[in-house]
Amino acid sequence: MTNKSISIFNQLRPVTIGYDNVFDHFEKMFEDDFRMSVPNFPPYNIVKTGKHTYDVELALAGYSKKDIDVSFEDSILNIKSIKDKDEKEVEDNDGVLHKGIAKRFFSKSFTISDDVEIKGAELKDGLLKVSLERIIPEHKKARSIEVK
């Protein structure tokens, strides 16, 4: 972690309440592991579809539902390809003369806020769409406070 990031978080912690997990997450991002190159496959979009709804879209042409594993644990959404144990390379490639489209194995992770729920995932026309919704509890909704 850099001295600059330490000073930023040390300045913010005394004036915030309940954001320790956010600061911890950012501190992890500044560690050496974060500076490593991030794989750019598969390409993806994060789309805001409504006031509190989002979609994470991954371009997965050539993959089927059985080739993909979507999991969520400890605020991390993981999307990865899985290799079918029964799948074997056919020696003659079923008549393929040139193989320019290869199935890559990948793993992609997204950090999801504690107030966001994953509503589902759908693979259609080569696009995996994971739908998310931010759930705002009653105590966080805007309200008027009566002054006595």
N, C-alpha and C. Protein backbone atom coordinates (compact mmCIF):
# COMPACT_ATOMS: atom_id res chain seq x y z
N MET A 1 0.84 -1.17 0.00
CA MET A 1 0.00 0.00 0.00
C MET A 1 0.89 1.23 0.00
N THR A 2 0.49 2.26 -0.71
CA THR A 2 1.30 3.46 -0.81
C THR A 2 1.03 4.37 0.37
N ASN A 3 2.02 5.25 0.65
CA ASN A 3 1.84 6.21 1.73
C ASN A 3 0.68 7.15 1.44
N LYS A 4 0.47 7.45 0.15
CA LYS A 4 -0.62 8.35 -0.23
C LYS A 4 -1.98 7.73 0.14
N SER A 5 -2.16 6.44 -0.16
CA SER A 5 -3.44 5.80 0.17
C SER A 5 -3.65 5.72 1.67
N ILE A 6 -2.57 5.50 2.43
CA ILE A 6 -2.68 5.45 3.89
C ILE A 6 -3.16 6.79 4.42
N SER A 7 -2.59 7.87 3.90
CA SER A 7 -2.97 9.19 4.41
C SER A 7 -4.40 9.54 4.03
N ILE A 8 -4.86 9.14 2.87
CA ILE A 8 -6.23 9.42 2.45
C ILE A 8 -7.20 8.70 3.38
N PHE A 9 -7.00 7.42 3.61
CA PHE A 9 -7.93 6.65 4.43
C PHE A 9 -7.86 7.08 5.90
N ASN A 10 -6.68 7.43 6.39
CA ASN A 10 -6.56 7.90 7.77
C ASN A 10 -7.29 9.22 7.96
N GLN A 11 -7.35 10.04 6.91
CA GLN A 11 -8.07 11.31 7.00
C GLN A 11 -9.58 11.10 6.94
N LEU A 12 -10.03 10.09 6.23
CA LEU A 12 -11.47 9.86 6.07
C LEU A 12 -12.08 9.06 7.22
N ARG A 13 -11.36 8.15 7.79
CA ARG A 13 -11.91 7.29 8.84
C ARG A 13 -12.48 8.06 10.04
N PRO A 14 -11.82 9.11 10.55
CA PRO A 14 -12.37 9.79 11.73
C PRO A 14 -13.68 10.56 11.47
N VAL A 15 -14.03 10.81 10.22
CA VAL A 15 -15.23 11.59 9.94
C VAL A 15 -16.34 10.75 9.31
N THR A 16 -16.19 9.43 9.36
CA THR A 16 -17.22 8.54 8.80
C THR A 16 -17.55 7.47 9.83
N ILE A 17 -18.76 6.97 9.73
CA ILE A 17 -19.20 5.92 10.65
C ILE A 17 -19.77 4.78 9.82
N GLY A 18 -19.30 3.58 10.05
CA GLY A 18 -19.84 2.40 9.38
C GLY A 18 -19.27 2.14 8.00
N TYR A 19 -18.20 2.82 7.62
CA TYR A 19 -17.61 2.63 6.29
C TYR A 19 -16.29 1.87 6.34
N ASP A 20 -16.00 1.25 7.47
CA ASP A 20 -14.72 0.55 7.61
C ASP A 20 -14.52 -0.51 6.53
N ASN A 21 -15.59 -1.26 6.20
CA ASN A 21 -15.44 -2.29 5.18
C ASN A 21 -15.13 -1.69 3.81
N VAL A 22 -15.64 -0.50 3.53
CA VAL A 22 -15.34 0.17 2.26
C VAL A 22 -13.87 0.54 2.21
N PHE A 23 -13.37 1.14 3.30
CA PHE A 23 -11.96 1.52 3.35
C PHE A 23 -11.07 0.30 3.26
N ASP A 24 -11.45 -0.79 3.94
CA ASP A 24 -10.67 -2.02 3.87
C ASP A 24 -10.59 -2.52 2.43
N HIS A 25 -11.72 -2.44 1.71
CA HIS A 25 -11.75 -2.88 0.31
C HIS A 25 -10.80 -2.03 -0.54
N PHE A 26 -10.83 -0.73 -0.35
CA PHE A 26 -9.95 0.14 -1.13
C PHE A 26 -8.48 -0.07 -0.77
N GLU A 27 -8.22 -0.34 0.48
CA GLU A 27 -6.84 -0.62 0.86
C GLU A 27 -6.33 -1.87 0.16
N LYS A 28 -7.19 -2.89 0.04
CA LYS A 28 -6.80 -4.10 -0.69
C LYS A 28 -6.50 -3.78 -2.15
N MET A 29 -7.26 -2.84 -2.72
CA MET A 29 -7.06 -2.48 -4.12
C MET A 29 -5.70 -1.84 -4.35
N PHE A 30 -5.17 -1.16 -3.33
CA PHE A 30 -3.88 -0.50 -3.46
C PHE A 30 -2.70 -1.42 -3.22
N GLU A 31 -2.98 -2.64 -2.78
CA GLU A 31 -1.89 -3.58 -2.56
C GLU A 31 -1.29 -4.00 -3.90
N ASP A 32 -0.12 -4.59 -3.86
CA ASP A 32 0.60 -4.98 -5.07
C ASP A 32 -0.21 -5.89 -5.98
N ASP A 33 -1.05 -6.77 -5.41
CA ASP A 33 -1.82 -7.70 -6.24
C ASP A 33 -2.75 -6.96 -7.18
N PHE A 34 -3.26 -5.80 -6.79
CA PHE A 34 -4.19 -5.06 -7.63
C PHE A 34 -3.50 -4.46 -8.84
N ARG A 35 -2.23 -4.17 -8.72
CA ARG A 35 -1.50 -3.51 -9.81
C ARG A 35 -1.17 -4.47 -10.95
N MET A 36 -1.36 -5.75 -10.72
CA MET A 36 -1.11 -6.70 -11.79
C MET A 36 -2.10 -6.46 -12.90
N SER A 37 -1.76 -6.80 -14.13
CA SER A 37 -2.65 -6.54 -15.24
C SER A 37 -3.94 -7.33 -15.07
N VAL A 38 -5.03 -6.67 -15.34
CA VAL A 38 -6.35 -7.28 -15.24
C VAL A 38 -6.70 -7.86 -16.60
N PRO A 39 -7.08 -9.14 -16.65
CA PRO A 39 -7.42 -9.73 -17.95
C PRO A 39 -8.63 -9.02 -18.56
N ASN A 40 -8.57 -8.83 -19.87
CA ASN A 40 -9.66 -8.12 -20.53
C ASN A 40 -10.62 -9.08 -21.24
N PHE A 41 -10.51 -10.37 -20.96
CA PHE A 41 -11.44 -11.34 -21.54
C PHE A 41 -12.23 -11.97 -20.42
N PRO A 42 -13.49 -12.09 -20.58
CA PRO A 42 -14.32 -11.65 -21.70
C PRO A 42 -14.69 -10.17 -21.55
N PRO A 43 -14.98 -9.52 -22.68
CA PRO A 43 -15.40 -8.12 -22.59
C PRO A 43 -16.74 -8.04 -21.85
N TYR A 44 -16.94 -6.95 -21.13
CA TYR A 44 -18.17 -6.83 -20.35
C TYR A 44 -18.65 -5.38 -20.28
N ASN A 45 -19.92 -5.22 -19.95
CA ASN A 45 -20.54 -3.92 -19.70
C ASN A 45 -21.18 -3.97 -18.32
N ILE A 46 -21.22 -2.84 -17.66
CA ILE A 46 -22.04 -2.68 -16.46
C ILE A 46 -23.04 -1.59 -16.83
N VAL A 47 -24.33 -1.95 -16.83
CA VAL A 47 -25.37 -1.07 -17.35
C VAL A 47 -26.36 -0.73 -16.23
N LYS A 48 -26.64 0.55 -16.06
CA LYS A 48 -27.68 0.96 -15.11
C LYS A 48 -29.00 0.93 -15.87
N THR A 49 -29.89 0.02 -15.49
CA THR A 49 -31.14 -0.20 -16.23
C THR A 49 -32.33 0.51 -15.60
N GLY A 50 -32.19 1.02 -14.41
CA GLY A 50 -33.25 1.73 -13.71
C GLY A 50 -32.65 2.52 -12.57
N LYS A 51 -33.52 3.11 -11.74
CA LYS A 51 -33.02 3.92 -10.63
C LYS A 51 -32.16 3.10 -9.68
N HIS A 52 -32.54 1.83 -9.45
CA HIS A 52 -31.80 0.98 -8.52
C HIS A 52 -31.48 -0.39 -9.11
N THR A 53 -31.49 -0.52 -10.43
CA THR A 53 -31.22 -1.82 -11.05
C THR A 53 -30.04 -1.71 -12.02
N TYR A 54 -29.31 -2.80 -12.10
CA TYR A 54 -28.10 -2.86 -12.93
C TYR A 54 -28.03 -4.22 -13.62
N ASP A 55 -27.32 -4.27 -14.72
CA ASP A 55 -26.99 -5.52 -15.39
C ASP A 55 -25.49 -5.57 -15.61
N VAL A 56 -24.90 -6.71 -15.35
CA VAL A 56 -23.52 -6.98 -15.75
C VAL A 56 -23.64 -7.89 -16.95
N GLU A 57 -23.11 -7.44 -18.10
CA GLU A 57 -23.22 -8.21 -19.34
C GLU A 57 -21.83 -8.66 -19.77
N LEU A 58 -21.70 -9.94 -20.06
CA LEU A 58 -20.43 -10.49 -20.56
C LEU A 58 -20.66 -11.10 -21.93
N ALA A 59 -19.80 -10.78 -22.88
CA ALA A 59 -19.88 -11.34 -24.22
C ALA A 59 -19.26 -12.73 -24.20
N LEU A 60 -20.10 -13.75 -24.33
CA LEU A 60 -19.63 -15.14 -24.24
C LEU A 60 -20.10 -15.96 -25.44
N ALA A 61 -19.84 -15.48 -26.64
CA ALA A 61 -20.22 -16.21 -27.84
C ALA A 61 -19.53 -17.56 -27.87
N GLY A 62 -20.29 -18.59 -28.15
CA GLY A 62 -19.74 -19.94 -28.24
C GLY A 62 -19.82 -20.73 -26.94
N TYR A 63 -20.18 -20.09 -25.85
CA TYR A 63 -20.31 -20.77 -24.56
C TYR A 63 -21.78 -21.15 -24.35
N SER A 64 -21.99 -22.28 -23.70
CA SER A 64 -23.36 -22.68 -23.36
C SER A 64 -23.51 -22.58 -21.84
N LYS A 65 -24.72 -22.79 -21.36
CA LYS A 65 -24.98 -22.70 -19.91
C LYS A 65 -24.10 -23.65 -19.12
N LYS A 66 -23.83 -24.83 -19.67
CA LYS A 66 -23.03 -25.82 -18.94
C LYS A 66 -21.55 -25.44 -18.89
N ASP A 67 -21.13 -24.45 -19.70
CA ASP A 67 -19.73 -24.02 -19.74
C ASP A 67 -19.43 -22.90 -18.75
N ILE A 68 -20.47 -22.38 -18.06
CA ILE A 68 -20.31 -21.18 -17.23
C ILE A 68 -20.76 -21.45 -15.80
N ASP A 69 -19.99 -20.93 -14.86
CA ASP A 69 -20.35 -21.01 -13.44
C ASP A 69 -20.45 -19.59 -12.91
N VAL A 70 -21.61 -19.26 -12.34
CA VAL A 70 -21.84 -17.95 -11.73
C VAL A 70 -22.07 -18.20 -10.25
N SER A 71 -21.26 -17.57 -9.40
CA SER A 71 -21.40 -17.77 -7.96
C SER A 71 -21.23 -16.43 -7.24
N PHE A 72 -21.74 -16.40 -6.01
CA PHE A 72 -21.65 -15.19 -5.20
C PHE A 72 -21.30 -15.59 -3.77
N GLU A 73 -20.21 -15.02 -3.27
CA GLU A 73 -19.80 -15.31 -1.90
C GLU A 73 -18.99 -14.15 -1.37
N ASP A 74 -19.31 -13.75 -0.14
CA ASP A 74 -18.55 -12.72 0.56
C ASP A 74 -18.43 -11.44 -0.26
N SER A 75 -19.55 -10.99 -0.81
CA SER A 75 -19.65 -9.75 -1.59
C SER A 75 -18.91 -9.80 -2.93
N ILE A 76 -18.53 -10.97 -3.38
CA ILE A 76 -17.84 -11.10 -4.66
C ILE A 76 -18.69 -11.94 -5.61
N LEU A 77 -19.01 -11.36 -6.77
CA LEU A 77 -19.68 -12.08 -7.85
C LEU A 77 -18.60 -12.66 -8.74
N ASN A 78 -18.55 -13.99 -8.84
CA ASN A 78 -17.55 -14.67 -9.66
C ASN A 78 -18.23 -15.30 -10.86
N ILE A 79 -17.68 -15.06 -12.03
CA ILE A 79 -18.16 -15.68 -13.26
C ILE A 79 -16.95 -16.32 -13.91
N LYS A 80 -17.05 -17.64 -14.15
CA LYS A 80 -15.90 -18.33 -14.74
C LYS A 80 -16.39 -19.42 -15.67
N SER A 81 -15.51 -19.81 -16.56
CA SER A 81 -15.81 -20.93 -17.44
C SER A 81 -15.37 -22.20 -16.75
N ILE A 82 -16.06 -23.28 -17.08
CA ILE A 82 -15.71 -24.58 -16.51
C ILE A 82 -15.48 -25.55 -17.65
N LYS A 83 -14.57 -26.45 -17.42
CA LYS A 83 -14.23 -27.44 -18.44
C LYS A 83 -15.01 -28.71 -18.17
N ASP A 84 -15.72 -29.16 -19.18
CA ASP A 84 -16.49 -30.40 -19.07
C ASP A 84 -15.51 -31.57 -19.04
N LYS A 85 -15.60 -32.40 -18.02
CA LYS A 85 -14.68 -33.53 -17.86
C LYS A 85 -14.81 -34.53 -19.01
N ASP A 86 -16.00 -34.63 -19.60
CA ASP A 86 -16.22 -35.58 -20.68
C ASP A 86 -15.80 -35.02 -22.04
N GLU A 87 -15.52 -33.71 -22.08
CA GLU A 87 -15.18 -33.07 -23.35
C GLU A 87 -13.74 -33.40 -23.72
N LYS A 88 -13.55 -33.95 -24.89
CA LYS A 88 -12.21 -34.28 -25.36
C LYS A 88 -12.03 -33.70 -26.75
N GLU A 89 -10.83 -33.28 -27.03
CA GLU A 89 -10.54 -32.77 -28.37
C GLU A 89 -10.62 -33.92 -29.37
N VAL A 90 -11.40 -33.72 -30.39
CA VAL A 90 -11.49 -34.71 -31.45
C VAL A 90 -10.30 -34.49 -32.36
N GLU A 91 -9.59 -35.57 -32.67
CA GLU A 91 -8.33 -35.45 -33.38
C GLU A 91 -8.48 -34.75 -34.74
N ASP A 92 -9.56 -35.05 -35.44
CA ASP A 92 -9.72 -34.41 -36.75
C ASP A 92 -10.59 -33.15 -36.65
N ASN A 93 -10.95 -32.72 -35.43
CA ASN A 93 -11.74 -31.51 -35.19
C ASN A 93 -13.04 -31.47 -35.97
N ASP A 94 -13.62 -32.63 -36.20
CA ASP A 94 -14.91 -32.72 -36.88
C ASP A 94 -14.94 -31.98 -38.21
N GLY A 95 -13.89 -32.02 -38.97
CA GLY A 95 -13.86 -31.42 -40.30
C GLY A 95 -13.45 -29.96 -40.31
N VAL A 96 -13.07 -29.39 -39.18
CA VAL A 96 -12.66 -27.99 -39.14
C VAL A 96 -11.28 -27.87 -39.78
N LEU A 97 -11.17 -27.03 -40.81
CA LEU A 97 -9.90 -26.85 -41.50
C LEU A 97 -9.04 -25.76 -40.85
N HIS A 98 -9.70 -24.81 -40.24
CA HIS A 98 -8.98 -23.74 -39.55
C HIS A 98 -9.74 -23.42 -38.27
N LYS A 99 -9.04 -23.42 -37.15
CA LYS A 99 -9.70 -23.14 -35.87
C LYS A 99 -9.22 -21.78 -35.37
N GLY A 100 -9.97 -20.73 -35.72
CA GLY A 100 -9.66 -19.37 -35.29
C GLY A 100 -10.51 -18.94 -34.11
N ILE A 101 -11.56 -19.71 -33.83
CA ILE A 101 -12.42 -19.40 -32.68
C ILE A 101 -12.13 -20.46 -31.62
N ALA A 102 -11.45 -20.03 -30.58
CA ALA A 102 -11.11 -20.96 -29.52
C ALA A 102 -11.90 -20.61 -28.27
N LYS A 103 -12.20 -21.62 -27.49
CA LYS A 103 -12.88 -21.39 -26.21
C LYS A 103 -11.81 -21.14 -25.16
N ARG A 104 -11.75 -19.92 -24.68
CA ARG A 104 -10.80 -19.59 -23.63
C ARG A 104 -11.43 -19.91 -22.27
N PHE A 105 -10.57 -20.23 -21.35
CA PHE A 105 -11.04 -20.39 -19.99
C PHE A 105 -10.77 -19.07 -19.27
N PHE A 106 -11.74 -18.60 -18.49
CA PHE A 106 -11.65 -17.29 -17.88
C PHE A 106 -12.24 -17.31 -16.48
N SER A 107 -11.91 -16.27 -15.75
CA SER A 107 -12.51 -16.02 -14.44
C SER A 107 -12.59 -14.51 -14.28
N LYS A 108 -13.77 -14.01 -13.97
CA LYS A 108 -13.99 -12.58 -13.82
C LYS A 108 -14.71 -12.36 -12.49
N SER A 109 -14.26 -11.39 -11.70
CA SER A 109 -14.87 -11.12 -10.40
C SER A 109 -15.29 -9.66 -10.30
N PHE A 110 -16.42 -9.44 -9.63
CA PHE A 110 -16.95 -8.11 -9.40
C PHE A 110 -17.28 -7.99 -7.91
N THR A 111 -16.91 -6.88 -7.29
CA THR A 111 -17.26 -6.64 -5.90
C THR A 111 -18.64 -6.00 -5.86
N ILE A 112 -19.52 -6.59 -5.09
CA ILE A 112 -20.91 -6.16 -5.01
C ILE A 112 -21.17 -5.57 -3.62
N SER A 113 -21.80 -4.42 -3.57
CA SER A 113 -22.13 -3.75 -2.31
C SER A 113 -23.07 -4.61 -1.48
N ASP A 114 -23.02 -4.39 -0.17
CA ASP A 114 -23.87 -5.16 0.75
C ASP A 114 -25.35 -4.93 0.52
N ASP A 115 -25.73 -3.78 -0.05
CA ASP A 115 -27.14 -3.48 -0.25
C ASP A 115 -27.62 -3.83 -1.66
N VAL A 116 -26.86 -4.62 -2.39
CA VAL A 116 -27.23 -5.03 -3.75
C VAL A 116 -27.50 -6.53 -3.75
N GLU A 117 -28.65 -6.90 -4.32
CA GLU A 117 -29.03 -8.31 -4.45
C GLU A 117 -28.87 -8.76 -5.90
N ILE A 118 -28.46 -10.00 -6.07
CA ILE A 118 -28.38 -10.58 -7.40
C ILE A 118 -29.73 -11.23 -7.67
N LYS A 119 -30.39 -10.78 -8.73
CA LYS A 119 -31.74 -11.25 -9.05
C LYS A 119 -31.75 -12.47 -9.96
N GLY A 120 -30.69 -12.66 -10.74
CA GLY A 120 -30.64 -13.82 -11.63
C GLY A 120 -29.61 -13.63 -12.73
N ALA A 121 -29.44 -14.69 -13.50
CA ALA A 121 -28.50 -14.67 -14.62
C ALA A 121 -29.14 -15.38 -15.81
N GLU A 122 -28.88 -14.84 -17.01
CA GLU A 122 -29.45 -15.42 -18.22
C GLU A 122 -28.41 -15.36 -19.34
N LEU A 123 -28.28 -16.46 -20.07
CA LEU A 123 -27.40 -16.51 -21.23
C LEU A 123 -28.27 -16.59 -22.47
N LYS A 124 -28.19 -15.57 -23.30
CA LYS A 124 -29.02 -15.51 -24.50
C LYS A 124 -28.23 -14.85 -25.62
N ASP A 125 -28.19 -15.51 -26.76
CA ASP A 125 -27.52 -14.98 -27.95
C ASP A 125 -26.06 -14.59 -27.68
N GLY A 126 -25.36 -15.39 -26.88
CA GLY A 126 -23.94 -15.16 -26.62
C GLY A 126 -23.66 -14.07 -25.60
N LEU A 127 -24.70 -13.57 -24.92
CA LEU A 127 -24.53 -12.52 -23.93
C LEU A 127 -25.06 -13.02 -22.59
N LEU A 128 -24.16 -13.11 -21.60
CA LEU A 128 -24.56 -13.47 -20.25
C LEU A 128 -24.95 -12.19 -19.53
N LYS A 129 -26.16 -12.16 -18.98
CA LYS A 129 -26.64 -10.98 -18.28
C LYS A 129 -26.95 -11.37 -16.85
N VAL A 130 -26.26 -10.74 -15.89
CA VAL A 130 -26.51 -10.94 -14.47
C VAL A 130 -27.23 -9.68 -13.99
N SER A 131 -28.46 -9.87 -13.49
CA SER A 131 -29.28 -8.74 -13.06
C SER A 131 -29.11 -8.50 -11.57
N LEU A 132 -28.96 -7.23 -11.21
CA LEU A 132 -28.75 -6.83 -9.82
C LEU A 132 -29.74 -5.72 -9.46
N GLU A 133 -30.06 -5.66 -8.17
CA GLU A 133 -30.94 -4.59 -7.70
C GLU A 133 -30.45 -4.09 -6.36
N ARG A 134 -30.37 -2.78 -6.25
CA ARG A 134 -29.99 -2.17 -4.99
C ARG A 134 -31.24 -2.07 -4.13
N ILE A 135 -31.20 -2.67 -2.96
CA ILE A 135 -32.33 -2.67 -2.03
C ILE A 135 -32.04 -1.60 -0.97
N ILE A 136 -32.92 -0.61 -0.92
CA ILE A 136 -32.74 0.47 0.04
C ILE A 136 -33.65 0.21 1.24
N PRO A 137 -33.06 -0.03 2.41
CA PRO A 137 -33.88 -0.29 3.60
C PRO A 137 -34.65 0.98 4.00
N GLU A 138 -35.72 0.79 4.72
CA GLU A 138 -36.58 1.91 5.13
C GLU A 138 -35.79 2.99 5.87
N HIS A 139 -34.86 2.56 6.73
CA HIS A 139 -34.13 3.56 7.52
C HIS A 139 -33.16 4.40 6.69
N LYS A 140 -32.93 4.02 5.43
CA LYS A 140 -32.04 4.81 4.56
C LYS A 140 -32.81 5.65 3.55
N LYS A 141 -34.11 5.45 3.46
CA LYS A 141 -34.92 6.23 2.52
C LYS A 141 -35.08 7.65 3.06
N ALA A 142 -35.24 8.59 2.13
CA ALA A 142 -35.42 9.99 2.50
C ALA A 142 -36.68 10.15 3.33
N ARG A 143 -36.57 10.95 4.38
CA ARG A 143 -37.75 11.22 5.22
C ARG A 143 -37.53 12.57 5.91
N SER A 144 -38.59 13.12 6.38
CA SER A 144 -38.55 14.39 7.07
C SER A 144 -38.48 14.14 8.57
N ILE A 145 -37.64 14.88 9.26
CA ILE A 145 -37.48 14.75 10.70
C ILE A 145 -38.21 15.92 11.36
N GLU A 146 -39.14 15.62 12.23
CA GLU A 146 -39.89 16.66 12.92
C GLU A 146 -39.02 17.26 14.03
N VAL A 147 -38.96 18.57 14.04
CA VAL A 147 -38.21 19.28 15.07
C VAL A 147 -39.16 19.64 16.18
N LYS A 148 -38.82 19.27 17.41
CA LYS A 148 -39.70 19.55 18.57
C LYS A 148 -39.22 20.74 19.34
